[in-house]
Amino acid sequence: MDQLAIIAILEAKPGKEKEVADFLRSAQGLVEQEPGTTIWFALQLGPSRFGIFDSFPNEAGRDAHLNGAVAKALFAKAEELFAKPPQIEQCSILAGKTS
């Protein structure tokens, strides 16, 4: 089981909710190219709140993701799409079920 994760909380600007959802859907292809990212979910938490949850087997995988194509695209679009900067939390996984 992976030991490390990232939780990102995103707040869409008014009127940008569909663009944020589309952006998150499009990011899946980029994440699939990251061998160190084991689990990746893009979530809609409310009308304008979104999230990303991903997990990693080690620090190298998490660091690669934080410096990868999705993170770069996310921060490049942050001012255009988000009401405030994305909230990125690095965390440890204590327990989980994967199947």
PDB file of N, CA and C in Angstrom:
ATOM      1  N   MET A   1       0.836  -1.182   0.000  1.00  0.00           N
ATOM      2  CA  MET A   1       0.000   0.000   0.000  1.00  0.00           C
ATOM      3  C   MET A   1       0.882   1.247   0.000  1.00  0.00           C
ATOM      4  N   ASP A   2       0.441   2.250  -0.760  1.00  0.00           N
ATOM      5  CA  ASP A   2       1.158   3.524  -0.786  1.00  0.00           C
ATOM      6  C   ASP A   2       1.155   4.152   0.599  1.00  0.00           C
ATOM      7  N   GLN A   3       2.206   4.895   0.879  1.00  0.00           N
ATOM      8  CA  GLN A   3       2.354   5.558   2.172  1.00  0.00           C
ATOM      9  C   GLN A   3       2.150   7.067   2.099  1.00  0.00           C
ATOM     10  N   LEU A   4       2.249   7.644   0.918  1.00  0.00           N
ATOM     11  CA  LEU A   4       2.232   9.096   0.768  1.00  0.00           C
ATOM     12  C   LEU A   4       1.116   9.536  -0.165  1.00  0.00           C
ATOM     13  N   ALA A   5       0.626  10.757   0.043  1.00  0.00           N
ATOM     14  CA  ALA A   5      -0.474  11.263  -0.787  1.00  0.00           C
ATOM     15  C   ALA A   5      -0.397  12.775  -0.893  1.00  0.00           C
ATOM     16  N   ILE A   6      -1.220  13.277  -1.793  1.00  0.00           N
ATOM     17  CA  ILE A   6      -1.449  14.712  -1.929  1.00  0.00           C
ATOM     18  C   ILE A   6      -2.951  14.917  -2.017  1.00  0.00           C
ATOM     19  N   ILE A   7      -3.429  15.925  -1.319  1.00  0.00           N
ATOM     20  CA  ILE A   7      -4.812  16.370  -1.446  1.00  0.00           C
ATOM     21  C   ILE A   7      -4.744  17.832  -1.883  1.00  0.00           C
ATOM     22  N   ALA A   8      -5.411  18.144  -2.981  1.00  0.00           N
ATOM     23  CA  ALA A   8      -5.463  19.518  -3.470  1.00  0.00           C
ATOM     24  C   ALA A   8      -6.922  19.967  -3.476  1.00  0.00           C
ATOM     25  N   ILE A   9      -7.167  21.145  -2.966  1.00  0.00           N
ATOM     26  CA  ILE A   9      -8.507  21.739  -2.962  1.00  0.00           C
ATOM     27  C   ILE A   9      -8.474  22.961  -3.881  1.00  0.00           C
ATOM     28  N   LEU A  10      -9.445  23.006  -4.800  1.00  0.00           N
ATOM     29  CA  LEU A  10      -9.498  24.055  -5.810  1.00  0.00           C
ATOM     30  C   LEU A  10     -10.865  24.726  -5.767  1.00  0.00           C
ATOM     31  N   GLU A  11     -10.882  26.036  -5.803  1.00  0.00           N
ATOM     32  CA  GLU A  11     -12.129  26.813  -5.805  1.00  0.00           C
ATOM     33  C   GLU A  11     -12.220  27.562  -7.127  1.00  0.00           C
ATOM     34  N   ALA A  12     -13.188  27.170  -7.968  1.00  0.00           N
ATOM     35  CA  ALA A  12     -13.345  27.791  -9.274  1.00  0.00           C
ATOM     36  C   ALA A  12     -13.848  29.227  -9.141  1.00  0.00           C
ATOM     37  N   LYS A  13     -13.378  30.081 -10.021  1.00  0.00           N
ATOM     38  CA  LYS A  13     -13.947  31.421 -10.119  1.00  0.00           C
ATOM     39  C   LYS A  13     -15.390  31.287 -10.600  1.00  0.00           C
ATOM     40  N   PRO A  14     -16.254  32.218 -10.220  1.00  0.00           N
ATOM     41  CA  PRO A  14     -17.638  32.171 -10.717  1.00  0.00           C
ATOM     42  C   PRO A  14     -17.665  32.121 -12.250  1.00  0.00           C
ATOM     43  N   GLY A  15     -18.432  31.185 -12.780  1.00  0.00           N
ATOM     44  CA  GLY A  15     -18.546  31.015 -14.213  1.00  0.00           C
ATOM     45  C   GLY A  15     -17.476  30.135 -14.834  1.00  0.00           C
ATOM     46  N   LYS A  16     -16.481  29.702 -14.051  1.00  0.00           N
ATOM     47  CA  LYS A  16     -15.375  28.881 -14.568  1.00  0.00           C
ATOM     48  C   LYS A  16     -15.486  27.416 -14.155  1.00  0.00           C
ATOM     49  N   GLU A  17     -16.607  27.028 -13.539  1.00  0.00           N
ATOM     50  CA  GLU A  17     -16.748  25.666 -13.013  1.00  0.00           C
ATOM     51  C   GLU A  17     -16.586  24.611 -14.108  1.00  0.00           C
ATOM     52  N   LYS A  18     -17.210  24.807 -15.258  1.00  0.00           N
ATOM     53  CA  LYS A  18     -17.109  23.825 -16.336  1.00  0.00           C
ATOM     54  C   LYS A  18     -15.674  23.738 -16.849  1.00  0.00           C
ATOM     55  N   GLU A  19     -15.012  24.865 -16.959  1.00  0.00           N
ATOM     56  CA  GLU A  19     -13.621  24.865 -17.422  1.00  0.00           C
ATOM     57  C   GLU A  19     -12.712  24.122 -16.446  1.00  0.00           C
ATOM     58  N   VAL A  20     -12.947  24.285 -15.147  1.00  0.00           N
ATOM     59  CA  VAL A  20     -12.149  23.557 -14.156  1.00  0.00           C
ATOM     60  C   VAL A  20     -12.407  22.057 -14.291  1.00  0.00           C
ATOM     61  N   ALA A  21     -13.669  21.655 -14.386  1.00  0.00           N
ATOM     62  CA  ALA A  21     -13.998  20.236 -14.545  1.00  0.00           C
ATOM     63  C   ALA A  21     -13.355  19.672 -15.814  1.00  0.00           C
ATOM     64  N   ASP A  22     -13.429  20.405 -16.911  1.00  0.00           N
ATOM     65  CA  ASP A  22     -12.824  19.953 -18.165  1.00  0.00           C
ATOM     66  C   ASP A  22     -11.302  19.847 -18.031  1.00  0.00           C
ATOM     67  N   PHE A  23     -10.699  20.826 -17.368  1.00  0.00           N
ATOM     68  CA  PHE A  23      -9.249  20.788 -17.141  1.00  0.00           C
ATOM     69  C   PHE A  23      -8.856  19.535 -16.356  1.00  0.00           C
ATOM     70  N   LEU A  24      -9.592  19.253 -15.281  1.00  0.00           N
ATOM     71  CA  LEU A  24      -9.270  18.087 -14.462  1.00  0.00           C
ATOM     72  C   LEU A  24      -9.433  16.793 -15.255  1.00  0.00           C
ATOM     73  N   ARG A  25     -10.490  16.706 -16.055  1.00  0.00           N
ATOM     74  CA  ARG A  25     -10.669  15.510 -16.893  1.00  0.00           C
ATOM     75  C   ARG A  25      -9.503  15.349 -17.868  1.00  0.00           C
ATOM     76  N   SER A  26      -9.068  16.446 -18.452  1.00  0.00           N
ATOM     77  CA  SER A  26      -7.985  16.379 -19.436  1.00  0.00           C
ATOM     78  C   SER A  26      -6.647  16.011 -18.801  1.00  0.00           C
ATOM     79  N   ALA A  27      -6.494  16.246 -17.513  1.00  0.00           N
ATOM     80  CA  ALA A  27      -5.235  15.948 -16.825  1.00  0.00           C
ATOM     81  C   ALA A  27      -4.988  14.456 -16.663  1.00  0.00           C
ATOM     82  N   GLN A  28      -6.020  13.649 -16.779  1.00  0.00           N
ATOM     83  CA  GLN A  28      -5.861  12.205 -16.564  1.00  0.00           C
ATOM     84  C   GLN A  28      -4.798  11.606 -17.481  1.00  0.00           C
ATOM     85  N   GLY A  29      -4.799  12.005 -18.747  1.00  0.00           N
ATOM     86  CA  GLY A  29      -3.810  11.477 -19.688  1.00  0.00           C
ATOM     87  C   GLY A  29      -2.383  11.790 -19.276  1.00  0.00           C
ATOM     88  N   LEU A  30      -2.170  12.972 -18.722  1.00  0.00           N
ATOM     89  CA  LEU A  30      -0.832  13.339 -18.250  1.00  0.00           C
ATOM     90  C   LEU A  30      -0.423  12.503 -17.049  1.00  0.00           C
ATOM     91  N   VAL A  31      -1.345  12.294 -16.135  1.00  0.00           N
ATOM     92  CA  VAL A  31      -1.041  11.524 -14.925  1.00  0.00           C
ATOM     93  C   VAL A  31      -0.760  10.056 -15.265  1.00  0.00           C
ATOM     94  N   GLU A  32      -1.452   9.542 -16.267  1.00  0.00           N
ATOM     95  CA  GLU A  32      -1.222   8.150 -16.662  1.00  0.00           C
ATOM     96  C   GLU A  32       0.204   7.919 -17.141  1.00  0.00           C
ATOM     97  N   GLN A  33       0.912   8.965 -17.506  1.00  0.00           N
ATOM     98  CA  GLN A  33       2.301   8.852 -17.942  1.00  0.00           C
ATOM     99  C   GLN A  33       3.293   8.933 -16.778  1.00  0.00           C
ATOM    100  N   GLU A  34       2.793   9.053 -15.560  1.00  0.00           N
ATOM    101  CA  GLU A  34       3.650   9.173 -14.378  1.00  0.00           C
ATOM    102  C   GLU A  34       3.728   7.819 -13.673  1.00  0.00           C
ATOM    103  N   PRO A  35       4.804   7.075 -13.845  1.00  0.00           N
ATOM    104  CA  PRO A  35       4.884   5.756 -13.216  1.00  0.00           C
ATOM    105  C   PRO A  35       4.884   5.800 -11.683  1.00  0.00           C
ATOM    106  N   GLY A  36       5.282   6.916 -11.093  1.00  0.00           N
ATOM    107  CA  GLY A  36       5.325   7.025  -9.643  1.00  0.00           C
ATOM    108  C   GLY A  36       4.020   7.453  -9.001  1.00  0.00           C
ATOM    109  N   THR A  37       2.992   7.743  -9.810  1.00  0.00           N
ATOM    110  CA  THR A  37       1.672   8.086  -9.281  1.00  0.00           C
ATOM    111  C   THR A  37       0.801   6.846  -9.380  1.00  0.00           C
ATOM    112  N   THR A  38       0.474   6.268  -8.231  1.00  0.00           N
ATOM    113  CA  THR A  38      -0.273   5.010  -8.196  1.00  0.00           C
ATOM    114  C   THR A  38      -1.769   5.228  -8.332  1.00  0.00           C
ATOM    115  N   ILE A  39      -2.295   6.186  -7.579  1.00  0.00           N
ATOM    116  CA  ILE A  39      -3.733   6.478  -7.572  1.00  0.00           C
ATOM    117  C   ILE A  39      -3.905   7.965  -7.844  1.00  0.00           C
ATOM    118  N   TRP A  40      -4.898   8.301  -8.674  1.00  0.00           N
ATOM    119  CA  TRP A  40      -5.195   9.708  -8.964  1.00  0.00           C
ATOM    120  C   TRP A  40      -6.698   9.840  -9.169  1.00  0.00           C
ATOM    121  N   PHE A  41      -7.301  10.730  -8.427  1.00  0.00           N
ATOM    122  CA  PHE A  41      -8.726  11.029  -8.569  1.00  0.00           C
ATOM    123  C   PHE A  41      -8.904  12.533  -8.682  1.00  0.00           C
ATOM    124  N   ALA A  42      -9.733  12.961  -9.631  1.00  0.00           N
ATOM    125  CA  ALA A  42     -10.193  14.346  -9.714  1.00  0.00           C
ATOM    126  C   ALA A  42     -11.635  14.344  -9.225  1.00  0.00           C
ATOM    127  N   LEU A  43     -11.971  15.255  -8.348  1.00  0.00           N
ATOM    128  CA  LEU A  43     -13.260  15.240  -7.658  1.00  0.00           C
ATOM    129  C   LEU A  43     -13.974  16.576  -7.781  1.00  0.00           C
ATOM    130  N   GLN A  44     -15.309  16.527  -7.779  1.00  0.00           N
ATOM    131  CA  GLN A  44     -16.092  17.745  -7.616  1.00  0.00           C
ATOM    132  C   GLN A  44     -16.724  17.664  -6.237  1.00  0.00           C
ATOM    133  N   LEU A  45     -16.387  18.617  -5.377  1.00  0.00           N
ATOM    134  CA  LEU A  45     -16.811  18.613  -3.979  1.00  0.00           C
ATOM    135  C   LEU A  45     -18.062  19.443  -3.737  1.00  0.00           C
ATOM    136  N   GLY A  46     -18.412  20.270  -4.683  1.00  0.00           N
ATOM    137  CA  GLY A  46     -19.576  21.142  -4.585  1.00  0.00           C
ATOM    138  C   GLY A  46     -19.695  21.898  -5.885  1.00  0.00           C
ATOM    139  N   PRO A  47     -20.613  22.847  -5.965  1.00  0.00           N
ATOM    140  CA  PRO A  47     -20.812  23.556  -7.234  1.00  0.00           C
ATOM    141  C   PRO A  47     -19.544  24.208  -7.787  1.00  0.00           C
ATOM    142  N   SER A  48     -18.713  24.769  -6.916  1.00  0.00           N
ATOM    143  CA  SER A  48     -17.502  25.438  -7.388  1.00  0.00           C
ATOM    144  C   SER A  48     -16.225  24.911  -6.728  1.00  0.00           C
ATOM    145  N   ARG A  49     -16.362  23.879  -5.895  1.00  0.00           N
ATOM    146  CA  ARG A  49     -15.197  23.298  -5.200  1.00  0.00           C
ATOM    147  C   ARG A  49     -14.816  21.983  -5.856  1.00  0.00           C
ATOM    148  N   PHE A  50     -13.522  21.839  -6.093  1.00  0.00           N
ATOM    149  CA  PHE A  50     -12.970  20.648  -6.721  1.00  0.00           C
ATOM    150  C   PHE A  50     -11.796  20.151  -5.896  1.00  0.00           C
ATOM    151  N   GLY A  51     -11.401  18.932  -6.154  1.00  0.00           N
ATOM    152  CA  GLY A  51     -10.260  18.385  -5.447  1.00  0.00           C
ATOM    153  C   GLY A  51      -9.520  17.372  -6.289  1.00  0.00           C
ATOM    154  N   ILE A  52      -8.310  17.105  -5.868  1.00  0.00           N
ATOM    155  CA  ILE A  52      -7.494  16.054  -6.454  1.00  0.00           C
ATOM    156  C   ILE A  52      -6.922  15.258  -5.288  1.00  0.00           C
ATOM    157  N   PHE A  53      -6.987  13.928  -5.416  1.00  0.00           N
ATOM    158  CA  PHE A  53      -6.342  13.041  -4.446  1.00  0.00           C
ATOM    159  C   PHE A  53      -5.458  12.105  -5.240  1.00  0.00           C
ATOM    160  N   ASP A  54      -4.209  12.002  -4.847  1.00  0.00           N
ATOM    161  CA  ASP A  54      -3.323  11.041  -5.475  1.00  0.00           C
ATOM    162  C   ASP A  54      -2.400  10.432  -4.438  1.00  0.00           C
ATOM    163  N   SER A  55      -1.912   9.223  -4.753  1.00  0.00           N
ATOM    164  CA  SER A  55      -1.026   8.544  -3.813  1.00  0.00           C
ATOM    165  C   SER A  55       0.208   8.006  -4.525  1.00  0.00           C
ATOM    166  N   PHE A  56       1.233   7.755  -3.697  1.00  0.00           N
ATOM    167  CA  PHE A  56       2.556   7.433  -4.208  1.00  0.00           C
ATOM    168  C   PHE A  56       3.235   6.413  -3.287  1.00  0.00           C
ATOM    169  N   PRO A  57       4.073   5.550  -3.848  1.00  0.00           N
ATOM    170  CA  PRO A  57       4.769   4.572  -3.014  1.00  0.00           C
ATOM    171  C   PRO A  57       5.954   5.166  -2.264  1.00  0.00           C
ATOM    172  N   ASN A  58       6.444   6.344  -2.728  1.00  0.00           N
ATOM    173  CA  ASN A  58       7.649   6.914  -2.112  1.00  0.00           C
ATOM    174  C   ASN A  58       7.750   8.411  -2.424  1.00  0.00           C
ATOM    175  N   GLU A  59       8.716   9.057  -1.787  1.00  0.00           N
ATOM    176  CA  GLU A  59       8.928  10.504  -1.979  1.00  0.00           C
ATOM    177  C   GLU A  59       9.304  10.837  -3.414  1.00  0.00           C
ATOM    178  N   ALA A  60      10.061   9.968  -4.062  1.00  0.00           N
ATOM    179  CA  ALA A  60      10.471  10.233  -5.441  1.00  0.00           C
ATOM    180  C   ALA A  60       9.250  10.349  -6.352  1.00  0.00           C
ATOM    181  N   GLY A  61       8.267   9.467  -6.174  1.00  0.00           N
ATOM    182  CA  GLY A  61       7.046   9.528  -6.970  1.00  0.00           C
ATOM    183  C   GLY A  61       6.255  10.791  -6.696  1.00  0.00           C
ATOM    184  N   ARG A  62       6.147  11.141  -5.414  1.00  0.00           N
ATOM    185  CA  ARG A  62       5.406  12.356  -5.066  1.00  0.00           C
ATOM    186  C   ARG A  62       6.116  13.605  -5.582  1.00  0.00           C
ATOM    187  N   ASP A  63       7.434  13.659  -5.437  1.00  0.00           N
ATOM    188  CA  ASP A  63       8.189  14.806  -5.929  1.00  0.00           C
ATOM    189  C   ASP A  63       8.072  14.938  -7.445  1.00  0.00           C
ATOM    190  N   ALA A  64       8.127  13.806  -8.145  1.00  0.00           N
ATOM    191  CA  ALA A  64       7.992  13.837  -9.607  1.00  0.00           C
ATOM    192  C   ALA A  64       6.632  14.388 -10.002  1.00  0.00           C
ATOM    193  N   HIS A  65       5.588  14.000  -9.282  1.00  0.00           N
ATOM    194  CA  HIS A  65       4.252  14.497  -9.576  1.00  0.00           C
ATOM    195  C   HIS A  65       4.137  15.993  -9.283  1.00  0.00           C
ATOM    196  N   LEU A  66       4.657  16.418  -8.152  1.00  0.00           N
ATOM    197  CA  LEU A  66       4.598  17.835  -7.781  1.00  0.00           C
ATOM    198  C   LEU A  66       5.356  18.726  -8.759  1.00  0.00           C
ATOM    199  N   ASN A  67       6.310  18.153  -9.470  1.00  0.00           N
ATOM    200  CA  ASN A  67       7.097  18.907 -10.442  1.00  0.00           C
ATOM    201  C   ASN A  67       6.757  18.521 -11.881  1.00  0.00           C
ATOM    202  N   GLY A  68       5.675  17.758 -12.060  1.00  0.00           N
ATOM    203  CA  GLY A  68       5.314  17.234 -13.359  1.00  0.00           C
ATOM    204  C   GLY A  68       4.376  18.122 -14.162  1.00  0.00           C
ATOM    205  N   ALA A  69       3.907  17.559 -15.265  1.00  0.00           N
ATOM    206  CA  ALA A  69       3.107  18.305 -16.234  1.00  0.00           C
ATOM    207  C   ALA A  69       1.781  18.788 -15.655  1.00  0.00           C
ATOM    208  N   VAL A  70       1.114  17.974 -14.842  1.00  0.00           N
ATOM    209  CA  VAL A  70      -0.177  18.385 -14.285  1.00  0.00           C
ATOM    210  C   VAL A  70      -0.005  19.561 -13.335  1.00  0.00           C
ATOM    211  N   ALA A  71       0.982  19.479 -12.461  1.00  0.00           N
ATOM    212  CA  ALA A  71       1.221  20.574 -11.519  1.00  0.00           C
ATOM    213  C   ALA A  71       1.569  21.867 -12.261  1.00  0.00           C
ATOM    214  N   LYS A  72       2.389  21.763 -13.288  1.00  0.00           N
ATOM    215  CA  LYS A  72       2.752  22.953 -14.059  1.00  0.00           C
ATOM    216  C   LYS A  72       1.528  23.546 -14.744  1.00  0.00           C
ATOM    217  N   ALA A  73       0.697  22.699 -15.338  1.00  0.00           N
ATOM    218  CA  ALA A  73      -0.521  23.179 -16.003  1.00  0.00           C
ATOM    219  C   ALA A  73      -1.492  23.787 -15.001  1.00  0.00           C
ATOM    220  N   LEU A  74      -1.616  23.164 -13.832  1.00  0.00           N
ATOM    221  CA  LEU A  74      -2.518  23.650 -12.793  1.00  0.00           C
ATOM    222  C   LEU A  74      -2.134  25.065 -12.373  1.00  0.00           C
ATOM    223  N   PHE A  75      -0.867  25.280 -12.096  1.00  0.00           N
ATOM    224  CA  PHE A  75      -0.444  26.594 -11.633  1.00  0.00           C
ATOM    225  C   PHE A  75      -0.388  27.605 -12.773  1.00  0.00           C
ATOM    226  N   ALA A  76      -0.197  27.162 -14.003  1.00  0.00           N
ATOM    227  CA  ALA A  76      -0.236  28.074 -15.145  1.00  0.00           C
ATOM    228  C   ALA A  76      -1.643  28.623 -15.360  1.00  0.00           C
ATOM    229  N   LYS A  77      -2.672  27.837 -15.031  1.00  0.00           N
ATOM    230  CA  LYS A  77      -4.055  28.251 -15.220  1.00  0.00           C
ATOM    231  C   LYS A  77      -4.686  28.795 -13.934  1.00  0.00           C
ATOM    232  N   ALA A  78      -3.946  28.804 -12.852  1.00  0.00           N
ATOM    233  CA  ALA A  78      -4.512  29.161 -11.551  1.00  0.00           C
ATOM    234  C   ALA A  78      -5.174  30.527 -11.551  1.00  0.00           C
ATOM    235  N   GLU A  79      -4.517  31.521 -12.061  1.00  0.00           N
ATOM    236  CA  GLU A  79      -5.082  32.882 -12.026  1.00  0.00           C
ATOM    237  C   GLU A  79      -6.344  32.979 -12.877  1.00  0.00           C
ATOM    238  N   GLU A  80      -6.364  32.269 -13.993  1.00  0.00           N
ATOM    239  CA  GLU A  80      -7.514  32.300 -14.900  1.00  0.00           C
ATOM    240  C   GLU A  80      -8.724  31.552 -14.345  1.00  0.00           C
ATOM    241  N   LEU A  81      -8.492  30.394 -13.702  1.00  0.00           N
ATOM    242  CA  LEU A  81      -9.584  29.499 -13.334  1.00  0.00           C
ATOM    243  C   LEU A  81     -10.017  29.549 -11.872  1.00  0.00           C
ATOM    244  N   PHE A  82      -9.110  29.901 -10.972  1.00  0.00           N
ATOM    245  CA  PHE A  82      -9.386  29.711  -9.550  1.00  0.00           C
ATOM    246  C   PHE A  82      -9.571  31.016  -8.789  1.00  0.00           C
ATOM    247  N   ALA A  83     -10.509  30.998  -7.853  1.00  0.00           N
ATOM    248  CA  ALA A  83     -10.813  32.172  -7.029  1.00  0.00           C
ATOM    249  C   ALA A  83      -9.692  32.477  -6.045  1.00  0.00           C
ATOM    250  N   LYS A  84      -8.932  31.452  -5.680  1.00  0.00           N
ATOM    251  CA  LYS A  84      -7.778  31.614  -4.795  1.00  0.00           C
ATOM    252  C   LYS A  84      -6.750  30.553  -5.176  1.00  0.00           C
ATOM    253  N   PRO A  85      -5.526  30.699  -4.740  1.00  0.00           N
ATOM    254  CA  PRO A  85      -4.506  29.706  -5.110  1.00  0.00           C
ATOM    255  C   PRO A  85      -4.909  28.302  -4.651  1.00  0.00           C
ATOM    256  N   PRO A  86      -4.572  27.285  -5.459  1.00  0.00           N
ATOM    257  CA  PRO A  86      -4.864  25.909  -5.039  1.00  0.00           C
ATOM    258  C   PRO A  86      -4.222  25.607  -3.679  1.00  0.00           C
ATOM    259  N   GLN A  87      -4.975  24.914  -2.837  1.00  0.00           N
ATOM    260  CA  GLN A  87      -4.477  24.498  -1.527  1.00  0.00           C
ATOM    261  C   GLN A  87      -3.937  23.078  -1.687  1.00  0.00           C
ATOM    262  N   ILE A  88      -2.620  22.908  -1.573  1.00  0.00           N
ATOM    263  CA  ILE A  88      -1.970  21.617  -1.770  1.00  0.00           C
ATOM    264  C   ILE A  88      -1.461  21.121  -0.423  1.00  0.00           C
ATOM    265  N   GLU A  89      -1.914  19.939  -0.025  1.00  0.00           N
ATOM    266  CA  GLU A  89      -1.489  19.341   1.246  1.00  0.00           C
ATOM    267  C   GLU A  89      -0.797  18.012   0.970  1.00  0.00           C
ATOM    268  N   GLN A  90       0.429  17.891   1.465  1.00  0.00           N
ATOM    269  CA  GLN A  90       1.110  16.599   1.417  1.00  0.00           C
ATOM    270  C   GLN A  90       0.772  15.863   2.701  1.00  0.00           C
ATOM    271  N   CYS A  91       0.423  14.597   2.567  1.00  0.00           N
ATOM    272  CA  CYS A  91       0.006  13.851   3.749  1.00  0.00           C
ATOM    273  C   CYS A  91       0.496  12.412   3.684  1.00  0.00           C
ATOM    274  N   SER A  92       0.364  11.722   4.807  1.00  0.00           N
ATOM    275  CA  SER A  92       0.714  10.308   4.915  1.00  0.00           C
ATOM    276  C   SER A  92      -0.573   9.492   4.981  1.00  0.00           C
ATOM    277  N   ILE A  93      -0.548   8.327   4.373  1.00  0.00           N
ATOM    278  CA  ILE A  93      -1.701   7.428   4.404  1.00  0.00           C
ATOM    279  C   ILE A  93      -1.531   6.510   5.611  1.00  0.00           C
ATOM    280  N   LEU A  94      -2.528   6.500   6.466  1.00  0.00           N
ATOM    281  CA  LEU A  94      -2.490   5.660   7.667  1.00  0.00           C
ATOM    282  C   LEU A  94      -3.097   4.292   7.437  1.00  0.00           C
ATOM    283  N   ALA A  95      -4.143   4.222   6.649  1.00  0.00           N
ATOM    284  CA  ALA A  95      -4.826   2.959   6.367  1.00  0.00           C
ATOM    285  C   ALA A  95      -5.627   3.128   5.086  1.00  0.00           C
ATOM    286  N   GLY A  96      -5.954   2.041   4.438  1.00  0.00           N
ATOM    287  CA  GLY A  96      -6.736   2.154   3.216  1.00  0.00           C
ATOM    288  C   GLY A  96      -7.193   0.799   2.713  1.00  0.00           C
ATOM    289  N   LYS A  97      -8.100   0.856   1.755  1.00  0.00           N
ATOM    290  CA  LYS A  97      -8.603  -0.335   1.070  1.00  0.00           C
ATOM    291  C   LYS A  97      -8.554  -0.028  -0.407  1.00  0.00           C
ATOM    292  N   THR A  98      -7.965  -0.911  -1.196  1.00  0.00           N
ATOM    293  CA  THR A  98      -7.793  -0.633  -2.609  1.00  0.00           C
ATOM    294  C   THR A  98      -8.595  -1.538  -3.523  1.00  0.00           C
ATOM    295  N   SER A  99      -9.215  -2.558  -3.020  1.00  0.00           N
ATOM    296  CA  SER A  99     -10.022  -3.398  -3.906  1.00  0.00           C
ATOM    297  C   SER A  99     -11.182  -4.005  -3.151  1.00  0.00           C
TER     298      SER A  99
END
